[in-house]
Amino acid sequence: MCIRDSFLIAERTESFIKNHVLKALDRWDLRLGFTSEESSITDCLSGIAKQFLARVHHALLLWLDGIGVTSFYPEAEPFNEMLHHRHSQVHQRTIPAGYISTVLRSGYLRDGKLLRRAHVIVAR
């Protein structure tokens, strides 16, 4: 296998992760209650389904970790536009202005480089 082929495989893998794996994790994060959404979720999971989904979710995160992709959940951290995408701002008495009050989607790094910014709501 030549260097060009290796590069193409790595590029396809990263594209697959961004376009499919991270989107699935976003949906599961919501269903499992790991992240929030501005409108509440109307459907619920049974206890067994939630346990199964949590196990698959965990296995997928372990696989991503094995290839150098790690998630970050920046709740209550200072907002940083390099790492976070500001979805909206809200008035919060318990959280200082400029800090993240809610995480809508986790962020991801690959080998220390930003793969996707976390989507957050920031306190004013």
N, C-alpha and C. Protein backbone atom coordinates (compact mmCIF):
# COMPACT_ATOMS: atom_id res chain seq x y z
N MET A 1 0.85 -1.17 0.00
CA MET A 1 0.00 0.00 0.00
C MET A 1 0.90 1.24 0.00
N CYS A 2 0.61 2.18 -0.85
CA CYS A 2 1.43 3.38 -0.95
C CYS A 2 0.90 4.46 0.01
N ILE A 3 1.66 5.51 0.18
CA ILE A 3 1.31 6.60 1.10
C ILE A 3 0.00 7.25 0.68
N ARG A 4 -0.20 7.42 -0.61
CA ARG A 4 -1.42 8.05 -1.11
C ARG A 4 -2.64 7.23 -0.72
N ASP A 5 -2.56 5.88 -0.83
CA ASP A 5 -3.66 5.02 -0.44
C ASP A 5 -3.94 5.13 1.06
N SER A 6 -2.89 5.18 1.86
CA SER A 6 -3.05 5.33 3.31
C SER A 6 -3.75 6.63 3.65
N PHE A 7 -3.36 7.69 2.94
CA PHE A 7 -3.97 9.00 3.16
C PHE A 7 -5.45 8.97 2.81
N LEU A 8 -5.82 8.33 1.69
CA LEU A 8 -7.22 8.25 1.28
C LEU A 8 -8.05 7.45 2.27
N ILE A 9 -7.49 6.37 2.80
CA ILE A 9 -8.20 5.56 3.79
C ILE A 9 -8.43 6.38 5.06
N ALA A 10 -7.40 7.10 5.51
CA ALA A 10 -7.53 7.93 6.71
C ALA A 10 -8.56 9.03 6.50
N GLU A 11 -8.58 9.62 5.32
CA GLU A 11 -9.54 10.68 5.00
C GLU A 11 -10.97 10.13 4.98
N ARG A 12 -11.16 8.95 4.40
CA ARG A 12 -12.49 8.32 4.37
C ARG A 12 -12.95 7.94 5.77
N THR A 13 -12.03 7.46 6.59
CA THR A 13 -12.37 7.09 7.97
C THR A 13 -12.84 8.32 8.73
N GLU A 14 -12.11 9.43 8.61
CA GLU A 14 -12.50 10.65 9.32
C GLU A 14 -13.84 11.16 8.81
N SER A 15 -14.08 11.08 7.52
CA SER A 15 -15.36 11.50 6.95
C SER A 15 -16.49 10.62 7.48
N PHE A 16 -16.27 9.32 7.55
CA PHE A 16 -17.28 8.40 8.09
C PHE A 16 -17.57 8.72 9.55
N ILE A 17 -16.54 8.98 10.32
CA ILE A 17 -16.73 9.31 11.73
C ILE A 17 -17.56 10.59 11.87
N LYS A 18 -17.19 11.64 11.14
CA LYS A 18 -17.91 12.92 11.24
C LYS A 18 -19.36 12.80 10.77
N ASN A 19 -19.58 12.12 9.64
CA ASN A 19 -20.90 12.11 9.02
C ASN A 19 -21.85 11.05 9.57
N HIS A 20 -21.33 10.01 10.21
CA HIS A 20 -22.21 8.93 10.65
C HIS A 20 -22.06 8.63 12.14
N VAL A 21 -20.85 8.37 12.59
CA VAL A 21 -20.64 7.94 13.97
C VAL A 21 -21.00 9.05 14.96
N LEU A 22 -20.51 10.27 14.73
CA LEU A 22 -20.78 11.36 15.67
C LEU A 22 -22.27 11.72 15.68
N LYS A 23 -22.94 11.63 14.55
CA LYS A 23 -24.38 11.90 14.52
C LYS A 23 -25.15 10.86 15.32
N ALA A 24 -24.75 9.60 15.22
CA ALA A 24 -25.39 8.55 16.02
C ALA A 24 -25.15 8.80 17.51
N LEU A 25 -23.92 9.15 17.86
CA LEU A 25 -23.62 9.43 19.27
C LEU A 25 -24.44 10.62 19.78
N ASP A 26 -24.64 11.64 18.96
CA ASP A 26 -25.46 12.78 19.36
C ASP A 26 -26.88 12.34 19.72
N ARG A 27 -27.47 11.51 18.87
CA ARG A 27 -28.83 11.03 19.14
C ARG A 27 -28.87 10.20 20.41
N TRP A 28 -27.88 9.34 20.59
CA TRP A 28 -27.85 8.49 21.78
C TRP A 28 -27.58 9.30 23.03
N ASP A 29 -26.72 10.32 22.95
CA ASP A 29 -26.47 11.20 24.10
C ASP A 29 -27.77 11.82 24.59
N LEU A 30 -28.61 12.26 23.64
CA LEU A 30 -29.90 12.84 24.01
C LEU A 30 -30.81 11.80 24.67
N ARG A 31 -30.92 10.64 24.05
CA ARG A 31 -31.81 9.59 24.57
C ARG A 31 -31.37 9.10 25.95
N LEU A 32 -30.07 9.07 26.17
CA LEU A 32 -29.54 8.59 27.45
C LEU A 32 -29.45 9.70 28.50
N GLY A 33 -29.71 10.94 28.08
CA GLY A 33 -29.69 12.05 29.03
C GLY A 33 -28.31 12.61 29.31
N PHE A 34 -27.32 12.31 28.46
CA PHE A 34 -25.97 12.83 28.66
C PHE A 34 -25.86 14.28 28.22
N THR A 35 -26.64 14.67 27.22
CA THR A 35 -26.67 16.06 26.76
C THR A 35 -28.11 16.54 26.77
N SER A 36 -28.30 17.83 26.58
CA SER A 36 -29.64 18.42 26.62
C SER A 36 -30.03 18.92 25.25
N GLU A 37 -31.28 19.27 25.16
CA GLU A 37 -31.80 19.85 23.93
C GLU A 37 -32.79 20.92 24.38
N GLU A 38 -32.91 21.98 23.63
CA GLU A 38 -33.79 23.07 24.06
C GLU A 38 -35.24 22.63 24.19
N SER A 39 -35.72 21.80 23.29
CA SER A 39 -37.06 21.25 23.44
C SER A 39 -36.93 19.84 24.01
N SER A 40 -37.80 19.50 24.93
CA SER A 40 -37.66 18.19 25.58
C SER A 40 -38.03 17.06 24.62
N ILE A 41 -37.46 15.91 24.88
CA ILE A 41 -37.72 14.72 24.06
C ILE A 41 -39.05 14.13 24.49
N THR A 42 -39.90 13.80 23.52
CA THR A 42 -41.22 13.30 23.86
C THR A 42 -41.24 11.78 24.01
N ASP A 43 -40.36 11.08 23.33
CA ASP A 43 -40.36 9.62 23.44
C ASP A 43 -39.42 9.18 24.56
N CYS A 44 -39.66 8.01 25.09
CA CYS A 44 -38.80 7.50 26.16
C CYS A 44 -38.38 6.07 25.83
N LEU A 45 -37.32 5.64 26.49
CA LEU A 45 -36.81 4.29 26.29
C LEU A 45 -37.17 3.43 27.49
N SER A 46 -37.41 2.15 27.25
CA SER A 46 -37.62 1.23 28.36
C SER A 46 -36.29 1.04 29.07
N GLY A 47 -36.32 0.52 30.26
CA GLY A 47 -35.10 0.30 31.03
C GLY A 47 -34.11 -0.61 30.32
N ILE A 48 -34.62 -1.69 29.73
CA ILE A 48 -33.75 -2.64 29.03
C ILE A 48 -33.16 -2.00 27.79
N ALA A 49 -33.98 -1.28 27.03
CA ALA A 49 -33.48 -0.61 25.82
C ALA A 49 -32.43 0.43 26.18
N LYS A 50 -32.65 1.14 27.26
CA LYS A 50 -31.69 2.17 27.69
C LYS A 50 -30.36 1.52 28.11
N GLN A 51 -30.42 0.40 28.81
CA GLN A 51 -29.19 -0.31 29.20
C GLN A 51 -28.43 -0.80 27.97
N PHE A 52 -29.14 -1.37 27.01
CA PHE A 52 -28.50 -1.85 25.79
C PHE A 52 -27.86 -0.71 25.03
N LEU A 53 -28.60 0.38 24.86
CA LEU A 53 -28.08 1.54 24.15
C LEU A 53 -26.86 2.12 24.86
N ALA A 54 -26.90 2.14 26.18
CA ALA A 54 -25.75 2.65 26.95
C ALA A 54 -24.51 1.78 26.73
N ARG A 55 -24.69 0.48 26.63
CA ARG A 55 -23.55 -0.42 26.38
C ARG A 55 -22.97 -0.22 24.99
N VAL A 56 -23.84 -0.08 23.99
CA VAL A 56 -23.37 0.14 22.62
C VAL A 56 -22.68 1.51 22.53
N HIS A 57 -23.26 2.49 23.17
CA HIS A 57 -22.69 3.85 23.22
C HIS A 57 -21.29 3.79 23.82
N HIS A 58 -21.14 3.10 24.93
CA HIS A 58 -19.84 2.97 25.59
C HIS A 58 -18.83 2.25 24.70
N ALA A 59 -19.27 1.17 24.05
CA ALA A 59 -18.38 0.42 23.16
C ALA A 59 -17.92 1.30 21.99
N LEU A 60 -18.81 2.09 21.46
CA LEU A 60 -18.47 2.97 20.35
C LEU A 60 -17.46 4.04 20.79
N LEU A 61 -17.65 4.59 22.00
CA LEU A 61 -16.68 5.56 22.52
C LEU A 61 -15.32 4.91 22.76
N LEU A 62 -15.30 3.66 23.21
CA LEU A 62 -14.03 2.94 23.39
C LEU A 62 -13.33 2.73 22.05
N TRP A 63 -14.10 2.37 21.02
CA TRP A 63 -13.53 2.19 19.69
C TRP A 63 -12.94 3.50 19.19
N LEU A 64 -13.69 4.60 19.34
CA LEU A 64 -13.18 5.91 18.92
C LEU A 64 -11.91 6.27 19.68
N ASP A 65 -11.89 6.00 20.97
CA ASP A 65 -10.70 6.28 21.78
C ASP A 65 -9.50 5.49 21.27
N GLY A 66 -9.76 4.26 20.82
CA GLY A 66 -8.69 3.42 20.29
C GLY A 66 -8.07 3.96 19.00
N ILE A 67 -8.83 4.76 18.26
CA ILE A 67 -8.28 5.35 17.03
C ILE A 67 -7.94 6.83 17.23
N GLY A 68 -7.89 7.26 18.50
CA GLY A 68 -7.43 8.61 18.80
C GLY A 68 -8.49 9.68 18.85
N VAL A 69 -9.77 9.29 18.87
CA VAL A 69 -10.86 10.27 18.94
C VAL A 69 -11.41 10.28 20.36
N THR A 70 -11.39 11.46 20.99
CA THR A 70 -11.92 11.59 22.35
C THR A 70 -12.99 12.68 22.38
N SER A 71 -13.97 12.48 23.24
CA SER A 71 -15.05 13.47 23.37
C SER A 71 -14.73 14.39 24.54
N PHE A 72 -15.31 15.59 24.49
CA PHE A 72 -15.22 16.49 25.64
C PHE A 72 -16.58 17.13 25.87
N TYR A 73 -16.90 17.30 27.15
CA TYR A 73 -18.19 17.81 27.60
C TYR A 73 -17.92 19.03 28.46
N PRO A 74 -17.98 20.24 27.87
CA PRO A 74 -17.48 21.44 28.55
C PRO A 74 -18.44 22.18 29.47
N GLU A 75 -19.38 21.50 30.09
CA GLU A 75 -20.34 22.19 30.96
C GLU A 75 -19.63 22.90 32.11
N ALA A 76 -20.05 24.14 32.39
CA ALA A 76 -19.52 24.99 33.47
C ALA A 76 -18.08 25.43 33.23
N GLU A 77 -17.61 25.34 32.00
CA GLU A 77 -16.28 25.82 31.64
C GLU A 77 -16.42 27.16 30.93
N PRO A 78 -15.36 27.97 30.89
CA PRO A 78 -15.43 29.23 30.14
C PRO A 78 -15.62 28.95 28.64
N PHE A 79 -16.42 29.79 27.99
CA PHE A 79 -16.66 29.64 26.56
C PHE A 79 -15.38 29.97 25.78
N ASN A 80 -15.05 29.12 24.80
CA ASN A 80 -13.89 29.32 23.94
C ASN A 80 -14.35 29.05 22.52
N GLU A 81 -14.39 30.10 21.69
CA GLU A 81 -14.94 29.92 20.34
C GLU A 81 -14.12 28.98 19.46
N MET A 82 -12.90 28.67 19.85
CA MET A 82 -12.11 27.70 19.09
C MET A 82 -12.60 26.27 19.35
N LEU A 83 -13.16 26.03 20.53
CA LEU A 83 -13.60 24.68 20.91
C LEU A 83 -15.12 24.53 20.97
N HIS A 84 -15.82 25.65 21.06
CA HIS A 84 -17.27 25.61 21.29
C HIS A 84 -18.02 26.42 20.23
N HIS A 85 -19.19 25.92 19.86
CA HIS A 85 -20.10 26.64 18.97
C HIS A 85 -21.24 27.15 19.85
N ARG A 86 -21.42 28.48 19.90
CA ARG A 86 -22.47 29.07 20.72
C ARG A 86 -23.80 28.94 20.00
N HIS A 87 -24.67 28.15 20.56
CA HIS A 87 -26.02 27.95 20.00
C HIS A 87 -26.90 29.12 20.40
N SER A 88 -26.80 29.53 21.66
CA SER A 88 -27.57 30.66 22.16
C SER A 88 -26.99 31.10 23.50
N GLN A 89 -27.57 32.19 24.04
CA GLN A 89 -27.17 32.70 25.35
C GLN A 89 -28.41 32.81 26.22
N VAL A 90 -28.22 32.59 27.51
CA VAL A 90 -29.33 32.70 28.46
C VAL A 90 -28.85 33.43 29.71
N HIS A 91 -29.80 34.04 30.42
CA HIS A 91 -29.47 34.66 31.71
C HIS A 91 -29.47 33.55 32.76
N GLN A 92 -28.39 33.46 33.49
CA GLN A 92 -28.24 32.45 34.54
C GLN A 92 -27.72 33.14 35.79
N ARG A 93 -28.37 32.93 36.90
CA ARG A 93 -27.90 33.51 38.16
C ARG A 93 -26.81 32.65 38.81
N THR A 94 -26.85 31.35 38.54
CA THR A 94 -25.93 30.43 39.21
C THR A 94 -24.62 30.23 38.46
N ILE A 95 -24.57 30.66 37.20
CA ILE A 95 -23.36 30.46 36.38
C ILE A 95 -22.86 31.83 35.94
N PRO A 96 -21.56 32.10 36.10
CA PRO A 96 -21.02 33.40 35.69
C PRO A 96 -21.17 33.63 34.18
N ALA A 97 -21.28 34.90 33.81
CA ALA A 97 -21.37 35.26 32.39
C ALA A 97 -20.14 34.76 31.65
N GLY A 98 -20.37 34.26 30.44
CA GLY A 98 -19.27 33.76 29.62
C GLY A 98 -18.95 32.29 29.87
N TYR A 99 -19.65 31.66 30.78
CA TYR A 99 -19.44 30.23 31.06
C TYR A 99 -20.56 29.43 30.41
N ILE A 100 -20.29 28.17 30.13
CA ILE A 100 -21.24 27.29 29.46
C ILE A 100 -22.26 26.78 30.47
N SER A 101 -23.55 26.99 30.17
CA SER A 101 -24.60 26.53 31.08
C SER A 101 -25.14 25.16 30.66
N THR A 102 -25.18 24.90 29.35
CA THR A 102 -25.75 23.64 28.85
C THR A 102 -24.97 23.17 27.63
N VAL A 103 -24.74 21.87 27.55
CA VAL A 103 -24.09 21.27 26.38
C VAL A 103 -25.17 20.58 25.56
N LEU A 104 -25.30 20.99 24.30
CA LEU A 104 -26.27 20.38 23.40
C LEU A 104 -25.67 19.20 22.63
N ARG A 105 -24.40 19.34 22.23
CA ARG A 105 -23.67 18.27 21.54
C ARG A 105 -22.24 18.28 22.03
N SER A 106 -21.73 17.12 22.38
CA SER A 106 -20.34 17.01 22.83
C SER A 106 -19.38 17.38 21.71
N GLY A 107 -18.19 17.82 22.08
CA GLY A 107 -17.14 18.10 21.11
C GLY A 107 -16.22 16.89 21.00
N TYR A 108 -15.44 16.85 19.93
CA TYR A 108 -14.53 15.71 19.72
C TYR A 108 -13.18 16.19 19.22
N LEU A 109 -12.13 15.54 19.72
CA LEU A 109 -10.76 15.78 19.29
C LEU A 109 -10.23 14.49 18.70
N ARG A 110 -9.37 14.61 17.71
CA ARG A 110 -8.69 13.44 17.16
C ARG A 110 -7.19 13.69 17.25
N ASP A 111 -6.53 12.88 18.05
CA ASP A 111 -5.10 13.02 18.29
C ASP A 111 -4.76 14.45 18.71
N GLY A 112 -5.62 15.03 19.57
CA GLY A 112 -5.38 16.37 20.10
C GLY A 112 -5.82 17.50 19.20
N LYS A 113 -6.27 17.20 17.98
CA LYS A 113 -6.73 18.24 17.05
C LYS A 113 -8.26 18.23 17.02
N LEU A 114 -8.84 19.41 16.89
CA LEU A 114 -10.29 19.54 16.90
C LEU A 114 -10.92 18.82 15.71
N LEU A 115 -11.84 17.92 16.00
CA LEU A 115 -12.60 17.22 14.97
C LEU A 115 -13.97 17.88 14.82
N ARG A 116 -14.60 18.23 15.97
CA ARG A 116 -15.87 18.95 15.95
C ARG A 116 -16.03 19.75 17.24
N ARG A 117 -16.47 20.99 17.10
CA ARG A 117 -16.69 21.84 18.26
C ARG A 117 -17.94 21.36 19.02
N ALA A 118 -17.93 21.56 20.33
CA ALA A 118 -19.10 21.27 21.14
C ALA A 118 -20.15 22.37 20.92
N HIS A 119 -21.40 22.01 20.82
CA HIS A 119 -22.49 22.97 20.68
C HIS A 119 -23.05 23.25 22.07
N VAL A 120 -23.05 24.54 22.44
CA VAL A 120 -23.34 24.90 23.82
C VAL A 120 -24.27 26.10 23.93
N ILE A 121 -24.84 26.26 25.12
CA ILE A 121 -25.59 27.46 25.49
C ILE A 121 -24.75 28.16 26.55
N VAL A 122 -24.53 29.47 26.35
CA VAL A 122 -23.62 30.24 27.20
C VAL A 122 -24.43 31.18 28.10
N ALA A 123 -24.00 31.31 29.34
CA ALA A 123 -24.63 32.24 30.28
C ALA A 123 -24.21 33.68 29.96
N ARG A 124 -25.17 34.61 30.09
CA ARG A 124 -24.86 36.04 29.91
C ARG A 124 -24.62 36.70 31.23
